[in-house]
Amino acid sequence: MIEAATSTELPPILVQQEGCRVIDGLHRLEAAKQRGDQTIPARFLDCTDSEALVIAMEANTSHGLPLTKNDRLAGATRVLTDHPDWSDRAIASITGLSAKTIASLRTRVATPDNNKRLGRDGRRRPVTACEGRRRAAEYIKNNPNAPLRQVARETDVSLGTVHDVCNRLRRGISPERNGNRTENPVATTEPATITSVPDTGTPLRRKNHTETPPTWAEVATKVAKDPTIRYTTGGKEFLRWMAYHASDPDKWRTFITTLPSHWLSTIAPIADNISKEWSQFAEQLKQAEHKTLGA
């Protein structure tokens, strides 16, 4: 937090050469405007709009203020539309989403069928899951001491698939789902016992959960990464103020029994006044948010 609050040098923004469109660094640009800077470091890239999108999402997953889930989903949809031949794991690594999420998006995006997809290692492989399991099994046989994450990375399949393939190979079963037992099985499996749940006639319902607002400690690091806060005077003062006043909001509980009785009538109104100030601060922030959304 201290380092973020005292840093003043803005990292270069990324700009698409054609049209001078900012690819990565809009918050840094806004911070520079708030500081009154006339110039800002920039790197110009000669790239297409599709390449610019990929560069922007890759840059965001590695640094800066994280995109919202909806922003990442929207970006992933565009990447899928522009690059339908890229594998789910390749797009997941770019967008910061899971491969399962990309696979789900692919079913909702009108993309041409491809027999092969481009993986993160730049190699094209068949789309079928069976082919991925065969690759994983072959790699494990040739590299029996390789860590499972390495197998997943080199064969472009999920870590869960690698686990399953390993278990099947140990049991002498084909690595493919519903595969037959191979020669020299090393273990046998016991039939699973299935228990039934009595039908009460009442549908199961999820418990109602009230969304608990995050604590300052949970969001402080993310807030400090926002260039419009990190690189502006007001933003740095806010970080220092919040670190001092909001880092341990429940600390007051320890003082209830430690304060002498003759000071209670004096301190209680002060605490009450401070709480009103915090309530007013929260209300003003909500009003500012409503104005921003309505603009």
C-alpha atoms as a PDB file:
ATOM      1  CA  MET A   1       0.000   0.000   0.000  1.00  0.00           C
ATOM      2  CA  ILE A   2       2.808   2.444   0.896  1.00  0.00           C
ATOM      3  CA  GLU A   3       4.643   1.683  -2.325  1.00  0.00           C
ATOM      4  CA  ALA A   4       1.503   2.232  -4.366  1.00  0.00           C
ATOM      5  CA  ALA A   5       0.782   5.503  -2.624  1.00  0.00           C
ATOM      6  CA  THR A   6       4.272   6.939  -3.150  1.00  0.00           C
ATOM      7  CA  SER A   7       4.818   5.826  -6.765  1.00  0.00           C
ATOM      8  CA  THR A   8       4.651   8.755  -9.232  1.00  0.00           C
ATOM      9  CA  GLU A   9       6.046   7.507 -12.578  1.00  0.00           C
ATOM     10  CA  LEU A  10       3.401   6.413 -15.047  1.00  0.00           C
ATOM     11  CA  PRO A  11       4.220   3.259 -17.058  1.00  0.00           C
ATOM     12  CA  PRO A  12       3.891   3.657 -20.860  1.00  0.00           C
ATOM     13  CA  ILE A  13       0.443   3.206 -22.337  1.00  0.00           C
ATOM     14  CA  LEU A  14      -0.085   1.041 -25.442  1.00  0.00           C
ATOM     15  CA  VAL A  15      -1.517   2.824 -28.491  1.00  0.00           C
ATOM     16  CA  GLN A  16      -2.668   1.360 -31.792  1.00  0.00           C
ATOM     17  CA  GLN A  17      -0.716   3.182 -34.475  1.00  0.00           C
ATOM     18  CA  GLU A  18      -3.643   3.498 -36.885  1.00  0.00           C
ATOM     19  CA  GLY A  19      -6.147   5.896 -35.367  1.00  0.00           C
ATOM     20  CA  CYS A  20      -4.085   6.443 -32.177  1.00  0.00           C
ATOM     21  CA  ARG A  21      -6.514   4.294 -30.172  1.00  0.00           C
ATOM     22  CA  VAL A  22      -5.433   3.451 -26.628  1.00  0.00           C
ATOM     23  CA  ILE A  23      -5.107  -0.333 -26.300  1.00  0.00           C
ATOM     24  CA  ASP A  24      -3.993  -0.462 -22.676  1.00  0.00           C
ATOM     25  CA  GLY A  25      -3.695   2.405 -20.209  1.00  0.00           C
ATOM     26  CA  LEU A  26      -6.954   4.390 -20.181  1.00  0.00           C
ATOM     27  CA  HIS A  27      -6.789   4.711 -16.398  1.00  0.00           C
ATOM     28  CA  ARG A  28      -3.175   5.905 -16.617  1.00  0.00           C
ATOM     29  CA  LEU A  29      -4.211   8.448 -19.232  1.00  0.00           C
ATOM     30  CA  GLU A  30      -6.996   9.690 -16.944  1.00  0.00           C
ATOM     31  CA  ALA A  31      -4.520   9.910 -14.072  1.00  0.00           C
ATOM     32  CA  ALA A  32      -2.183  12.009 -16.216  1.00  0.00           C
ATOM     33  CA  LYS A  33      -5.060  14.370 -17.071  1.00  0.00           C
ATOM     34  CA  GLN A  34      -5.978  14.743 -13.402  1.00  0.00           C
ATOM     35  CA  ARG A  35      -2.363  15.541 -12.548  1.00  0.00           C
ATOM     36  CA  GLY A  36      -2.188  18.148 -15.294  1.00  0.00           C
ATOM     37  CA  ASP A  37       0.540  16.314 -17.250  1.00  0.00           C
ATOM     38  CA  GLN A  38       1.007  17.524 -20.821  1.00  0.00           C
ATOM     39  CA  THR A  39       2.659  14.313 -22.026  1.00  0.00           C
ATOM     40  CA  ILE A  40       2.604  10.622 -21.141  1.00  0.00           C
ATOM     41  CA  PRO A  41       4.969   7.773 -22.141  1.00  0.00           C
ATOM     42  CA  ALA A  42       3.475   5.598 -24.898  1.00  0.00           C
ATOM     43  CA  ARG A  43       4.332   2.634 -27.101  1.00  0.00           C
ATOM     44  CA  PHE A  44       2.809   2.600 -30.585  1.00  0.00           C
ATOM     45  CA  LEU A  45       1.871  -0.789 -32.055  1.00  0.00           C
ATOM     46  CA  ASP A  46       1.173  -1.528 -35.711  1.00  0.00           C
ATOM     47  CA  CYS A  47      -1.658  -4.039 -35.328  1.00  0.00           C
ATOM     48  CA  THR A  48      -5.176  -4.835 -36.495  1.00  0.00           C
ATOM     49  CA  ASP A  49      -8.275  -4.260 -34.361  1.00  0.00           C
ATOM     50  CA  SER A  50      -8.464  -7.993 -33.641  1.00  0.00           C
ATOM     51  CA  GLU A  51      -4.812  -8.091 -32.555  1.00  0.00           C
ATOM     52  CA  ALA A  52      -5.342  -4.971 -30.444  1.00  0.00           C
ATOM     53  CA  LEU A  53      -8.145  -6.687 -28.527  1.00  0.00           C
ATOM     54  CA  VAL A  54      -5.943  -9.690 -27.731  1.00  0.00           C
ATOM     55  CA  ILE A  55      -3.064  -7.428 -26.649  1.00  0.00           C
ATOM     56  CA  ALA A  56      -5.397  -5.387 -24.425  1.00  0.00           C
ATOM     57  CA  MET A  57      -6.828  -8.435 -22.653  1.00  0.00           C
ATOM     58  CA  GLU A  58      -3.414 -10.053 -22.197  1.00  0.00           C
ATOM     59  CA  ALA A  59      -2.073  -6.808 -20.719  1.00  0.00           C
ATOM     60  CA  ASN A  60      -5.011  -6.530 -18.341  1.00  0.00           C
ATOM     61  CA  THR A  61      -4.591 -10.066 -16.980  1.00  0.00           C
ATOM     62  CA  SER A  62      -0.936  -9.342 -16.172  1.00  0.00           C
ATOM     63  CA  HIS A  63      -1.229  -5.892 -14.554  1.00  0.00           C
ATOM     64  CA  GLY A  64      -3.444  -2.928 -13.904  1.00  0.00           C
ATOM     65  CA  LEU A  65      -7.022  -2.612 -12.693  1.00  0.00           C
ATOM     66  CA  PRO A  66      -8.744  -5.952 -13.435  1.00  0.00           C
ATOM     67  CA  LEU A  67     -11.634  -6.037 -15.888  1.00  0.00           C
ATOM     68  CA  THR A  68     -15.048  -6.989 -14.581  1.00  0.00           C
ATOM     69  CA  LYS A  69     -16.384 -10.473 -15.304  1.00  0.00           C
ATOM     70  CA  ASN A  70     -18.825  -9.037 -17.841  1.00  0.00           C
ATOM     71  CA  ASP A  71     -16.008  -7.155 -19.611  1.00  0.00           C
ATOM     72  CA  ARG A  72     -13.928 -10.336 -19.823  1.00  0.00           C
ATOM     73  CA  LEU A  73     -16.909 -12.295 -21.159  1.00  0.00           C
ATOM     74  CA  ALA A  74     -17.568  -9.633 -23.794  1.00  0.00           C
ATOM     75  CA  GLY A  75     -13.901  -9.636 -24.784  1.00  0.00           C
ATOM     76  CA  ALA A  76     -13.794 -13.424 -24.923  1.00  0.00           C
ATOM     77  CA  THR A  77     -16.857 -13.442 -27.186  1.00  0.00           C
ATOM     78  CA  ARG A  78     -15.104 -11.095 -29.607  1.00  0.00           C
ATOM     79  CA  VAL A  79     -11.918 -13.161 -29.529  1.00  0.00           C
ATOM     80  CA  LEU A  80     -13.954 -16.310 -30.228  1.00  0.00           C
ATOM     81  CA  THR A  81     -15.670 -14.596 -33.144  1.00  0.00           C
ATOM     82  CA  ASP A  82     -12.381 -13.391 -34.626  1.00  0.00           C
ATOM     83  CA  HIS A  83     -10.387 -16.559 -33.838  1.00  0.00           C
ATOM     84  CA  PRO A  84     -12.771 -19.547 -33.756  1.00  0.00           C
ATOM     85  CA  ASP A  85      -9.872 -21.894 -34.475  1.00  0.00           C
ATOM     86  CA  TRP A  86      -8.103 -21.037 -31.188  1.00  0.00           C
ATOM     87  CA  SER A  87      -8.410 -23.602 -28.410  1.00  0.00           C
ATOM     88  CA  ASP A  88     -10.512 -22.960 -25.295  1.00  0.00           C
ATOM     89  CA  ARG A  89      -7.418 -22.985 -23.078  1.00  0.00           C
ATOM     90  CA  ALA A  90      -5.584 -20.555 -25.374  1.00  0.00           C
ATOM     91  CA  ILE A  91      -8.441 -18.046 -25.217  1.00  0.00           C
ATOM     92  CA  ALA A  92      -8.819 -18.645 -21.469  1.00  0.00           C
ATOM     93  CA  SER A  93      -5.172 -17.712 -20.866  1.00  0.00           C
ATOM     94  CA  ILE A  94      -5.696 -14.455 -22.780  1.00  0.00           C
ATOM     95  CA  THR A  95      -8.967 -13.384 -21.191  1.00  0.00           C
ATOM     96  CA  GLY A  96      -8.418 -14.527 -17.603  1.00  0.00           C
ATOM     97  CA  LEU A  97     -11.418 -16.859 -17.727  1.00  0.00           C
ATOM     98  CA  SER A  98     -11.560 -20.633 -17.319  1.00  0.00           C
ATOM     99  CA  ALA A  99     -11.448 -23.039 -20.248  1.00  0.00           C
ATOM    100  CA  LYS A 100     -14.891 -24.318 -19.226  1.00  0.00           C
ATOM    101  CA  THR A 101     -16.301 -20.802 -19.488  1.00  0.00           C
ATOM    102  CA  ILE A 102     -14.821 -20.412 -22.971  1.00  0.00           C
ATOM    103  CA  ALA A 103     -16.260 -23.785 -24.016  1.00  0.00           C
ATOM    104  CA  SER A 104     -19.671 -22.642 -22.781  1.00  0.00           C
ATOM    105  CA  LEU A 105     -19.351 -19.358 -24.683  1.00  0.00           C
ATOM    106  CA  ARG A 106     -18.387 -21.243 -27.834  1.00  0.00           C
ATOM    107  CA  THR A 107     -21.760 -23.007 -27.838  1.00  0.00           C
ATOM    108  CA  ARG A 108     -23.519 -19.619 -27.917  1.00  0.00           C
ATOM    109  CA  VAL A 109     -21.291 -17.960 -30.524  1.00  0.00           C
ATOM    110  CA  ALA A 110     -21.895 -18.732 -34.187  1.00  0.00           C
ATOM    111  CA  THR A 111     -18.461 -19.984 -35.260  1.00  0.00           C
ATOM    112  CA  PRO A 112     -17.467 -22.310 -38.115  1.00  0.00           C
ATOM    113  CA  ASP A 113     -16.596 -25.892 -37.227  1.00  0.00           C
ATOM    114  CA  ASN A 114     -12.870 -26.557 -37.185  1.00  0.00           C
ATOM    115  CA  ASN A 115     -11.314 -29.988 -37.117  1.00  0.00           C
ATOM    116  CA  LYS A 116      -8.231 -28.532 -35.450  1.00  0.00           C
ATOM    117  CA  ARG A 117      -7.603 -25.645 -33.051  1.00  0.00           C
ATOM    118  CA  LEU A 118      -4.527 -23.600 -32.296  1.00  0.00           C
ATOM    119  CA  GLY A 119      -3.193 -24.217 -28.783  1.00  0.00           C
ATOM    120  CA  ARG A 120      -1.193 -21.956 -26.483  1.00  0.00           C
ATOM    121  CA  ASP A 121       2.041 -23.514 -27.735  1.00  0.00           C
ATOM    122  CA  GLY A 122       1.256 -22.529 -31.339  1.00  0.00           C
ATOM    123  CA  ARG A 123       0.513 -26.091 -32.465  1.00  0.00           C
ATOM    124  CA  ARG A 124      -2.756 -27.161 -34.072  1.00  0.00           C
ATOM    125  CA  ARG A 125      -4.471 -30.219 -32.655  1.00  0.00           C
ATOM    126  CA  PRO A 126      -7.742 -32.094 -33.311  1.00  0.00           C
ATOM    127  CA  VAL A 127     -10.750 -30.795 -31.443  1.00  0.00           C
ATOM    128  CA  THR A 128     -12.047 -34.118 -30.103  1.00  0.00           C
ATOM    129  CA  ALA A 129     -11.601 -34.763 -26.387  1.00  0.00           C
ATOM    130  CA  CYS A 130     -10.438 -38.308 -27.133  1.00  0.00           C
ATOM    131  CA  GLU A 131      -7.497 -36.957 -29.079  1.00  0.00           C
ATOM    132  CA  GLY A 132      -6.468 -34.776 -26.137  1.00  0.00           C
ATOM    133  CA  ARG A 133      -6.620 -37.761 -23.784  1.00  0.00           C
ATOM    134  CA  ARG A 134      -4.468 -39.782 -26.185  1.00  0.00           C
ATOM    135  CA  ARG A 135      -1.893 -36.976 -26.290  1.00  0.00           C
ATOM    136  CA  ALA A 136      -1.811 -36.793 -22.498  1.00  0.00           C
ATOM    137  CA  ALA A 137      -1.446 -40.582 -22.187  1.00  0.00           C
ATOM    138  CA  GLU A 138       1.378 -40.673 -24.729  1.00  0.00           C
ATOM    139  CA  TYR A 139       3.207 -37.828 -22.990  1.00  0.00           C
ATOM    140  CA  ILE A 140       2.868 -39.521 -19.586  1.00  0.00           C
ATOM    141  CA  LYS A 141       4.241 -42.787 -20.980  1.00  0.00           C
ATOM    142  CA  ASN A 142       7.239 -41.001 -22.495  1.00  0.00           C
ATOM    143  CA  ASN A 143       7.746 -38.737 -19.453  1.00  0.00           C
ATOM    144  CA  PRO A 144       6.603 -40.770 -16.420  1.00  0.00           C
ATOM    145  CA  ASN A 145       8.156 -38.352 -13.896  1.00  0.00           C
ATOM    146  CA  ALA A 146       6.729 -35.178 -15.430  1.00  0.00           C
ATOM    147  CA  PRO A 147       4.532 -33.051 -13.101  1.00  0.00           C
ATOM    148  CA  LEU A 148       0.859 -33.107 -13.996  1.00  0.00           C
ATOM    149  CA  ARG A 149       0.797 -29.367 -14.686  1.00  0.00           C
ATOM    150  CA  GLN A 150       3.608 -29.848 -17.199  1.00  0.00           C
ATOM    151  CA  VAL A 151       1.640 -32.601 -18.915  1.00  0.00           C
ATOM    152  CA  ALA A 152      -1.424 -30.339 -19.098  1.00  0.00           C
ATOM    153  CA  ARG A 153       0.619 -27.472 -20.489  1.00  0.00           C
ATOM    154  CA  GLU A 154       2.490 -29.530 -23.090  1.00  0.00           C
ATOM    155  CA  THR A 155      -0.557 -31.434 -24.345  1.00  0.00           C
ATOM    156  CA  ASP A 156      -3.002 -28.506 -24.123  1.00  0.00           C
ATOM    157  CA  VAL A 157      -5.594 -30.309 -21.996  1.00  0.00           C
ATOM    158  CA  SER A 158      -7.020 -29.419 -18.603  1.00  0.00           C
ATOM    159  CA  LEU A 159      -5.348 -30.436 -15.348  1.00  0.00           C
ATOM    160  CA  GLY A 160      -8.466 -32.389 -14.396  1.00  0.00           C
ATOM    161  CA  THR A 161      -8.223 -34.400 -17.614  1.00  0.00           C
ATOM    162  CA  VAL A 162      -4.575 -35.204 -16.876  1.00  0.00           C
ATOM    163  CA  HIS A 163      -5.529 -36.432 -13.387  1.00  0.00           C
ATOM    164  CA  ASP A 164      -8.213 -38.655 -14.869  1.00  0.00           C
ATOM    165  CA  VAL A 165      -5.899 -40.021 -17.567  1.00  0.00           C
ATOM    166  CA  CYS A 166      -3.245 -40.835 -14.944  1.00  0.00           C
ATOM    167  CA  ASN A 167      -5.765 -42.691 -12.811  1.00  0.00           C
ATOM    168  CA  ARG A 168      -6.984 -44.666 -15.807  1.00  0.00           C
ATOM    169  CA  LEU A 169      -3.468 -45.630 -16.832  1.00  0.00           C
ATOM    170  CA  ARG A 170      -2.681 -46.835 -13.287  1.00  0.00           C
ATOM    171  CA  ARG A 171      -5.810 -48.997 -13.342  1.00  0.00           C
ATOM    172  CA  GLY A 172      -4.991 -50.391 -16.770  1.00  0.00           C
ATOM    173  CA  ILE A 173      -7.948 -48.657 -18.399  1.00  0.00           C
ATOM    174  CA  SER A 174      -7.934 -46.824 -21.706  1.00  0.00           C
ATOM    175  CA  PRO A 175      -7.340 -43.079 -21.215  1.00  0.00           C
ATOM    176  CA  GLU A 176     -10.500 -42.324 -23.208  1.00  0.00           C
ATOM    177  CA  ARG A 177     -13.828 -42.119 -21.410  1.00  0.00           C
ATOM    178  CA  ASN A 178     -15.841 -45.350 -21.631  1.00  0.00           C
ATOM    179  CA  GLY A 179     -12.655 -47.001 -22.806  1.00  0.00           C
ATOM    180  CA  ASN A 180     -11.953 -50.720 -22.465  1.00  0.00           C
ATOM    181  CA  ARG A 181      -9.518 -52.248 -20.028  1.00  0.00           C
ATOM    182  CA  THR A 182      -6.019 -52.655 -21.446  1.00  0.00           C
ATOM    183  CA  GLU A 183      -3.618 -55.512 -20.883  1.00  0.00           C
ATOM    184  CA  ASN A 184      -2.014 -56.131 -17.485  1.00  0.00           C
ATOM    185  CA  PRO A 185      -4.380 -54.137 -15.317  1.00  0.00           C
ATOM    186  CA  VAL A 186      -2.703 -52.903 -12.150  1.00  0.00           C
ATOM    187  CA  ALA A 187      -5.836 -52.538 -10.052  1.00  0.00           C
ATOM    188  CA  THR A 188      -9.517 -53.293  -9.922  1.00  0.00           C
ATOM    189  CA  THR A 189     -12.364 -51.064  -8.929  1.00  0.00           C
ATOM    190  CA  GLU A 190     -15.243 -51.856  -6.620  1.00  0.00           C
ATOM    191  CA  PRO A 191     -18.790 -51.090  -7.754  1.00  0.00           C
ATOM    192  CA  ALA A 192     -20.065 -47.868  -6.289  1.00  0.00           C
ATOM    193  CA  THR A 193     -22.898 -48.001  -3.767  1.00  0.00           C
ATOM    194  CA  ILE A 194     -25.708 -45.651  -4.715  1.00  0.00           C
ATOM    195  CA  THR A 195     -27.874 -44.269  -1.966  1.00  0.00           C
ATOM    196  CA  SER A 196     -31.194 -42.627  -2.643  1.00  0.00           C
ATOM    197  CA  VAL A 197     -32.562 -39.446  -1.155  1.00  0.00           C
ATOM    198  CA  PRO A 198     -36.143 -39.734   0.106  1.00  0.00           C
ATOM    199  CA  ASP A 199     -38.651 -37.716  -1.856  1.00  0.00           C
ATOM    200  CA  THR A 200     -40.361 -35.347   0.562  1.00  0.00           C
ATOM    201  CA  GLY A 201     -42.423 -33.713  -2.165  1.00  0.00           C
ATOM    202  CA  THR A 202     -40.822 -30.346  -1.375  1.00  0.00           C
ATOM    203  CA  PRO A 203     -38.374 -28.927  -3.932  1.00  0.00           C
ATOM    204  CA  LEU A 204     -34.945 -28.121  -2.596  1.00  0.00           C
ATOM    205  CA  ARG A 205     -34.212 -24.427  -2.308  1.00  0.00           C
ATOM    206  CA  ARG A 206     -30.983 -22.576  -1.873  1.00  0.00           C
ATOM    207  CA  LYS A 207     -30.543 -20.659   1.315  1.00  0.00           C
ATOM    208  CA  ASN A 208     -31.029 -16.952   0.953  1.00  0.00           C
ATOM    209  CA  HIS A 209     -27.650 -15.332   1.215  1.00  0.00           C
ATOM    210  CA  THR A 210     -27.336 -11.617   1.806  1.00  0.00           C
ATOM    211  CA  GLU A 211     -24.377 -10.284  -0.110  1.00  0.00           C
ATOM    212  CA  THR A 212     -21.851  -9.027   2.424  1.00  0.00           C
ATOM    213  CA  PRO A 213     -19.939  -5.921   1.314  1.00  0.00           C
ATOM    214  CA  PRO A 214     -16.166  -6.426   1.077  1.00  0.00           C
ATOM    215  CA  THR A 215     -13.846  -5.102   3.749  1.00  0.00           C
ATOM    216  CA  TRP A 216     -11.223  -2.493   2.962  1.00  0.00           C
ATOM    217  CA  ALA A 217      -8.494  -5.096   3.478  1.00  0.00           C
ATOM    218  CA  GLU A 218     -10.048  -7.225   0.701  1.00  0.00           C
ATOM    219  CA  VAL A 219     -10.135  -4.456  -1.909  1.00  0.00           C
ATOM    220  CA  ALA A 220      -7.241  -2.185  -0.856  1.00  0.00           C
ATOM    221  CA  THR A 221      -4.715  -3.831  -3.187  1.00  0.00           C
ATOM    222  CA  LYS A 222      -7.046  -3.633  -6.196  1.00  0.00           C
ATOM    223  CA  VAL A 223      -7.938  -0.015  -5.484  1.00  0.00           C
ATOM    224  CA  ALA A 224      -4.256   0.887  -5.188  1.00  0.00           C
ATOM    225  CA  LYS A 225      -3.637  -0.540  -8.676  1.00  0.00           C
ATOM    226  CA  ASP A 226      -6.062   1.919 -10.279  1.00  0.00           C
ATOM    227  CA  PRO A 227      -3.833   4.540 -11.964  1.00  0.00           C
ATOM    228  CA  THR A 228      -6.434   7.288 -11.369  1.00  0.00           C
ATOM    229  CA  ILE A 229      -5.871   6.726  -7.648  1.00  0.00           C
ATOM    230  CA  ARG A 230      -2.284   5.520  -7.528  1.00  0.00           C
ATOM    231  CA  TYR A 231      -0.806   8.379  -9.561  1.00  0.00           C
ATOM    232  CA  THR A 232      -2.881  11.340  -8.346  1.00  0.00           C
ATOM    233  CA  THR A 233      -2.367  13.430  -5.217  1.00  0.00           C
ATOM    234  CA  GLY A 234      -5.958  13.074  -4.040  1.00  0.00           C
ATOM    235  CA  GLY A 235      -5.893   9.341  -4.709  1.00  0.00           C
ATOM    236  CA  LYS A 236      -2.712   8.819  -2.685  1.00  0.00           C
ATOM    237  CA  GLU A 237      -4.120  10.848   0.199  1.00  0.00           C
ATOM    238  CA  PHE A 238      -7.266   8.700   0.086  1.00  0.00           C
ATOM    239  CA  LEU A 239      -5.195   5.496   0.252  1.00  0.00           C
ATOM    240  CA  ARG A 240      -3.270   6.759   3.287  1.00  0.00           C
ATOM    241  CA  TRP A 241      -6.475   7.938   4.992  1.00  0.00           C
ATOM    242  CA  MET A 242      -8.287   4.635   4.418  1.00  0.00           C
ATOM    243  CA  ALA A 243      -5.259   2.618   5.534  1.00  0.00           C
ATOM    244  CA  TYR A 244      -5.299   4.511   8.821  1.00  0.00           C
ATOM    245  CA  HIS A 245      -9.054   4.652   9.466  1.00  0.00           C
ATOM    246  CA  ALA A 246     -10.539   1.600   7.735  1.00  0.00           C
ATOM    247  CA  SER A 247      -7.902  -1.126   8.006  1.00  0.00           C
ATOM    248  CA  ASP A 248      -9.308  -2.436  11.310  1.00  0.00           C
ATOM    249  CA  PRO A 249     -12.876  -1.114  11.690  1.00  0.00           C
ATOM    250  CA  ASP A 250     -13.758  -3.623  14.425  1.00  0.00           C
ATOM    251  CA  LYS A 251     -10.914  -2.548  16.715  1.00  0.00           C
ATOM    252  CA  TRP A 252     -13.326  -0.474  18.809  1.00  0.00           C
ATOM    253  CA  ARG A 253     -14.710  -3.647  20.370  1.00  0.00           C
ATOM    254  CA  THR A 254     -11.503  -4.133  22.357  1.00  0.00           C
ATOM    255  CA  PHE A 255     -11.894  -0.740  24.027  1.00  0.00           C
ATOM    256  CA  ILE A 256     -15.408  -1.186  25.427  1.00  0.00           C
ATOM    257  CA  THR A 257     -14.124  -2.736  28.660  1.00  0.00           C
ATOM    258  CA  THR A 258     -10.810  -0.876  28.823  1.00  0.00           C
ATOM    259  CA  LEU A 259     -12.008   2.738  28.871  1.00  0.00           C
ATOM    260  CA  PRO A 260     -12.532   4.207  32.349  1.00  0.00           C
ATOM    261  CA  SER A 261     -16.127   5.035  33.189  1.00  0.00           C
ATOM    262  CA  HIS A 262     -15.498   8.736  33.757  1.00  0.00           C
ATOM    263  CA  TRP A 263     -14.606   9.180  30.035  1.00  0.00           C
ATOM    264  CA  LEU A 264     -17.511   7.242  28.524  1.00  0.00           C
ATOM    265  CA  SER A 265     -19.942  10.178  28.419  1.00  0.00           C
ATOM    266  CA  THR A 266     -17.331  12.273  26.582  1.00  0.00           C
ATOM    267  CA  ILE A 267     -16.152   9.729  24.032  1.00  0.00           C
ATOM    268  CA  ALA A 268     -19.569   8.284  23.138  1.00  0.00           C
ATOM    269  CA  PRO A 269     -20.843  11.511  21.433  1.00  0.00           C
ATOM    270  CA  ILE A 270     -17.525  11.789  19.546  1.00  0.00           C
ATOM    271  CA  ALA A 271     -17.913   8.244  18.240  1.00  0.00           C
ATOM    272  CA  ASP A 272     -21.525   8.996  17.350  1.00  0.00           C
ATOM    273  CA  ASN A 273     -20.484  12.074  15.388  1.00  0.00           C
ATOM    274  CA  ILE A 274     -17.758  10.116  13.558  1.00  0.00           C
ATOM    275  CA  SER A 275     -20.293   7.449  12.589  1.00  0.00           C
ATOM    276  CA  LYS A 276     -22.557  10.153  11.162  1.00  0.00           C
ATOM    277  CA  GLU A 277     -19.645  11.482   9.105  1.00  0.00           C
ATOM    278  CA  TRP A 278     -18.980   7.989   7.716  1.00  0.00           C
ATOM    279  CA  SER A 279     -22.685   7.575   6.917  1.00  0.00           C
ATOM    280  CA  GLN A 280     -22.670  10.894   5.093  1.00  0.00           C
ATOM    281  CA  PHE A 281     -19.520   9.846   3.211  1.00  0.00           C
ATOM    282  CA  ALA A 282     -21.240   6.607   2.096  1.00  0.00           C
ATOM    283  CA  GLU A 283     -24.386   8.488   1.061  1.00  0.00           C
ATOM    284  CA  GLN A 284     -22.409  11.026  -0.980  1.00  0.00           C
ATOM    285  CA  LEU A 285     -20.575   8.189  -2.760  1.00  0.00           C
ATOM    286  CA  LYS A 286     -23.892   6.506  -3.628  1.00  0.00           C
ATOM    287  CA  GLN A 287     -25.303   9.753  -4.990  1.00  0.00           C
ATOM    288  CA  ALA A 288     -22.163  10.308  -7.077  1.00  0.00           C
ATOM    289  CA  GLU A 289     -22.490   6.766  -8.453  1.00  0.00           C
ATOM    290  CA  HIS A 290     -26.131   7.335  -9.430  1.00  0.00           C
ATOM    291  CA  LYS A 291     -25.181  10.555 -11.226  1.00  0.00           C
ATOM    292  CA  THR A 292     -22.415   8.742 -13.115  1.00  0.00           C
ATOM    293  CA  LEU A 293     -24.747   5.929 -14.182  1.00  0.00           C
ATOM    294  CA  GLY A 294     -27.394   8.402 -15.259  1.00  0.00           C
ATOM    295  CA  ALA A 295     -24.976  10.514 -17.284  1.00  0.00           C
END
